[in-house]
Amino acid sequence: MNGCLFCRIAAGEIPSTKVYEDEHVLAFRDIAPQAPVHVLVIPKKHVSGWYDAQGEDDASLARLMRAAAKVAQMEGIVQSGFRVVSNCGPDAQQTVPHLHLHVLGGRAMAGEMA
């Protein structure tokens, strides 16, 4: 989508610190991390959020979830535990209207959410 921050990152127009990438998914470090490990996992195809993902095929959504698990493994946080969060809409503090997962870990998590 034209002008979407995450689409521009996926296209390489805006630099990011990539953690994982395949044909469909990109994972990169959050610029304002809320934990020692804070990686965003996005589909390269623009989808505004989880509600809009209803039109996507199941394989696309499964790839996103598998990529989050792969990121946790690559970052060494599987054994200690990690959190996967997705904010959906303005009341949930979704600041970029592009479906994304936050993979957080590297410390004990309290009740707060990303």
C-alpha atoms as a PDB file:
ATOM      1  CA  MET A   1       0.000   0.000   0.000  1.00  0.00           C
ATOM      2  CA  ASN A   2       1.297   3.417  -0.937  1.00  0.00           C
ATOM      3  CA  GLY A   3       2.730   5.307   2.022  1.00  0.00           C
ATOM      4  CA  CYS A   4       2.420   2.467   4.547  1.00  0.00           C
ATOM      5  CA  LEU A   5       5.491   2.523   6.804  1.00  0.00           C
ATOM      6  CA  PHE A   6       5.770  -1.265   7.043  1.00  0.00           C
ATOM      7  CA  CYS A   7       5.209  -1.743   3.294  1.00  0.00           C
ATOM      8  CA  ARG A   8       8.065   0.691   2.686  1.00  0.00           C
ATOM      9  CA  ILE A   9      10.282  -1.231   5.133  1.00  0.00           C
ATOM     10  CA  ALA A  10       9.363  -4.521   3.407  1.00  0.00           C
ATOM     11  CA  ALA A  11      10.217  -2.969   0.031  1.00  0.00           C
ATOM     12  CA  GLY A  12      13.622  -1.843   1.334  1.00  0.00           C
ATOM     13  CA  GLU A  13      12.789   1.849   0.967  1.00  0.00           C
ATOM     14  CA  ILE A  14      13.283   2.425   4.697  1.00  0.00           C
ATOM     15  CA  PRO A  15      16.163   0.673   6.474  1.00  0.00           C
ATOM     16  CA  SER A  16      15.539  -1.818   9.244  1.00  0.00           C
ATOM     17  CA  THR A  17      17.541  -4.307  11.270  1.00  0.00           C
ATOM     18  CA  LYS A  18      16.327  -7.552   9.751  1.00  0.00           C
ATOM     19  CA  VAL A  19      16.128 -10.647  11.926  1.00  0.00           C
ATOM     20  CA  TYR A  20      14.355 -12.988   9.499  1.00  0.00           C
ATOM     21  CA  GLU A  21      13.032 -12.803   5.968  1.00  0.00           C
ATOM     22  CA  ASP A  22      11.452 -15.149   3.477  1.00  0.00           C
ATOM     23  CA  GLU A  23       9.299 -14.709   0.386  1.00  0.00           C
ATOM     24  CA  HIS A  24       6.191 -13.725   2.382  1.00  0.00           C
ATOM     25  CA  VAL A  25       7.315 -12.439   5.790  1.00  0.00           C
ATOM     26  CA  LEU A  26       9.800  -9.932   7.199  1.00  0.00           C
ATOM     27  CA  ALA A  27      10.925  -9.690  10.836  1.00  0.00           C
ATOM     28  CA  PHE A  28      12.919  -6.723  12.104  1.00  0.00           C
ATOM     29  CA  ARG A  29      13.886  -5.108  15.403  1.00  0.00           C
ATOM     30  CA  ASP A  30      11.473  -2.570  16.897  1.00  0.00           C
ATOM     31  CA  ILE A  31      12.962   0.939  17.034  1.00  0.00           C
ATOM     32  CA  ALA A  32      11.466   1.488  20.510  1.00  0.00           C
ATOM     33  CA  PRO A  33      11.951  -1.892  22.205  1.00  0.00           C
ATOM     34  CA  GLN A  34       9.833  -2.780  25.226  1.00  0.00           C
ATOM     35  CA  ALA A  35      12.029  -5.770  26.157  1.00  0.00           C
ATOM     36  CA  PRO A  36      15.601  -6.923  25.475  1.00  0.00           C
ATOM     37  CA  VAL A  37      14.186  -8.839  22.486  1.00  0.00           C
ATOM     38  CA  HIS A  38      11.489  -6.943  20.602  1.00  0.00           C
ATOM     39  CA  VAL A  39      11.034  -7.988  17.000  1.00  0.00           C
ATOM     40  CA  LEU A  40       8.167  -7.085  14.673  1.00  0.00           C
ATOM     41  CA  VAL A  41       6.943  -9.764  12.271  1.00  0.00           C
ATOM     42  CA  ILE A  42       4.966  -8.536   9.266  1.00  0.00           C
ATOM     43  CA  PRO A  43       3.477 -10.010   6.113  1.00  0.00           C
ATOM     44  CA  LYS A  44       5.102  -8.435   3.069  1.00  0.00           C
ATOM     45  CA  LYS A  45       1.648  -8.124   1.519  1.00  0.00           C
ATOM     46  CA  HIS A  46      -0.305  -5.237   3.000  1.00  0.00           C
ATOM     47  CA  VAL A  47      -3.066  -6.277   5.392  1.00  0.00           C
ATOM     48  CA  SER A  48      -4.343  -3.513   7.687  1.00  0.00           C
ATOM     49  CA  GLY A  49      -4.943  -5.679  10.761  1.00  0.00           C
ATOM     50  CA  TRP A  50      -6.386  -8.918  12.085  1.00  0.00           C
ATOM     51  CA  TYR A  51      -9.959  -8.014  11.200  1.00  0.00           C
ATOM     52  CA  ASP A  52      -8.957  -7.356   7.597  1.00  0.00           C
ATOM     53  CA  ALA A  53      -7.027 -10.637   7.550  1.00  0.00           C
ATOM     54  CA  GLN A  54     -10.344 -12.504   7.287  1.00  0.00           C
ATOM     55  CA  GLY A  55      -9.947 -12.335   3.516  1.00  0.00           C
ATOM     56  CA  GLU A  56      -6.467 -13.852   3.597  1.00  0.00           C
ATOM     57  CA  ASP A  57      -5.815 -17.531   3.040  1.00  0.00           C
ATOM     58  CA  ASP A  58      -5.027 -19.648   6.085  1.00  0.00           C
ATOM     59  CA  ALA A  59      -1.529 -20.436   4.797  1.00  0.00           C
ATOM     60  CA  SER A  60      -0.577 -16.728   4.839  1.00  0.00           C
ATOM     61  CA  LEU A  61      -1.613 -16.349   8.466  1.00  0.00           C
ATOM     62  CA  ALA A  62       0.095 -19.610   9.431  1.00  0.00           C
ATOM     63  CA  ARG A  63       3.337 -18.370   7.824  1.00  0.00           C
ATOM     64  CA  LEU A  64       3.162 -15.253  10.001  1.00  0.00           C
ATOM     65  CA  MET A  65       2.745 -17.315  13.178  1.00  0.00           C
ATOM     66  CA  ARG A  66       5.505 -19.768  12.195  1.00  0.00           C
ATOM     67  CA  ALA A  67       7.823 -16.839  11.489  1.00  0.00           C
ATOM     68  CA  ALA A  68       7.175 -15.491  15.004  1.00  0.00           C
ATOM     69  CA  ALA A  69       8.133 -18.888  16.469  1.00  0.00           C
ATOM     70  CA  LYS A  70      11.252 -18.993  14.262  1.00  0.00           C
ATOM     71  CA  VAL A  71      12.259 -15.513  15.454  1.00  0.00           C
ATOM     72  CA  ALA A  72      11.898 -16.626  19.084  1.00  0.00           C
ATOM     73  CA  GLN A  73      14.126 -19.624  18.345  1.00  0.00           C
ATOM     74  CA  MET A  74      16.701 -17.495  16.485  1.00  0.00           C
ATOM     75  CA  GLU A  75      16.764 -14.970  19.341  1.00  0.00           C
ATOM     76  CA  GLY A  76      17.303 -17.701  21.962  1.00  0.00           C
ATOM     77  CA  ILE A  77      14.161 -17.009  23.996  1.00  0.00           C
ATOM     78  CA  VAL A  78      12.205 -20.240  23.479  1.00  0.00           C
ATOM     79  CA  GLN A  79      13.370 -21.935  26.688  1.00  0.00           C
ATOM     80  CA  SER A  80      12.963 -18.888  28.926  1.00  0.00           C
ATOM     81  CA  GLY A  81       9.644 -17.909  27.336  1.00  0.00           C
ATOM     82  CA  PHE A  82       8.375 -15.163  25.103  1.00  0.00           C
ATOM     83  CA  ARG A  83       5.254 -13.174  24.345  1.00  0.00           C
ATOM     84  CA  VAL A  84       3.581 -12.653  20.971  1.00  0.00           C
ATOM     85  CA  VAL A  85       1.298  -9.609  20.857  1.00  0.00           C
ATOM     86  CA  SER A  86      -0.757  -7.998  18.121  1.00  0.00           C
ATOM     87  CA  ASN A  87      -2.539  -4.706  18.682  1.00  0.00           C
ATOM     88  CA  CYS A  88      -5.686  -4.323  16.576  1.00  0.00           C
ATOM     89  CA  GLY A  89      -7.008  -0.830  15.958  1.00  0.00           C
ATOM     90  CA  PRO A  90      -6.537   2.560  17.598  1.00  0.00           C
ATOM     91  CA  ASP A  91      -8.034   1.661  20.994  1.00  0.00           C
ATOM     92  CA  ALA A  92      -5.525  -1.198  21.217  1.00  0.00           C
ATOM     93  CA  GLN A  93      -2.672   1.209  20.385  1.00  0.00           C
ATOM     94  CA  GLN A  94      -2.008  -0.128  16.873  1.00  0.00           C
ATOM     95  CA  THR A  95       0.107   2.746  15.583  1.00  0.00           C
ATOM     96  CA  VAL A  96       0.905   1.343  12.126  1.00  0.00           C
ATOM     97  CA  PRO A  97      -2.113   0.090  10.153  1.00  0.00           C
ATOM     98  CA  HIS A  98      -0.324  -2.992   8.810  1.00  0.00           C
ATOM     99  CA  LEU A  99      -0.834  -6.400  10.428  1.00  0.00           C
ATOM    100  CA  HIS A 100       2.146  -7.200  12.653  1.00  0.00           C
ATOM    101  CA  LEU A 101       3.189  -9.320  15.591  1.00  0.00           C
ATOM    102  CA  HIS A 102       5.462  -8.202  18.407  1.00  0.00           C
ATOM    103  CA  VAL A 103       7.782 -10.973  19.625  1.00  0.00           C
ATOM    104  CA  LEU A 104       9.015  -9.979  23.095  1.00  0.00           C
ATOM    105  CA  GLY A 105      11.375 -11.751  25.468  1.00  0.00           C
ATOM    106  CA  GLY A 106      14.692 -11.719  27.215  1.00  0.00           C
ATOM    107  CA  ARG A 107      13.225 -10.811  30.620  1.00  0.00           C
ATOM    108  CA  ALA A 108      10.394 -11.853  32.885  1.00  0.00           C
ATOM    109  CA  MET A 109       7.134 -10.371  31.669  1.00  0.00           C
ATOM    110  CA  ALA A 110       4.734  -8.761  34.109  1.00  0.00           C
ATOM    111  CA  GLY A 111       1.107  -7.989  33.380  1.00  0.00           C
ATOM    112  CA  GLU A 112       1.882  -5.164  30.949  1.00  0.00           C
ATOM    113  CA  MET A 113       1.366  -5.589  27.236  1.00  0.00           C
ATOM    114  CA  ALA A 114       3.399  -4.140  24.370  1.00  0.00           C
END
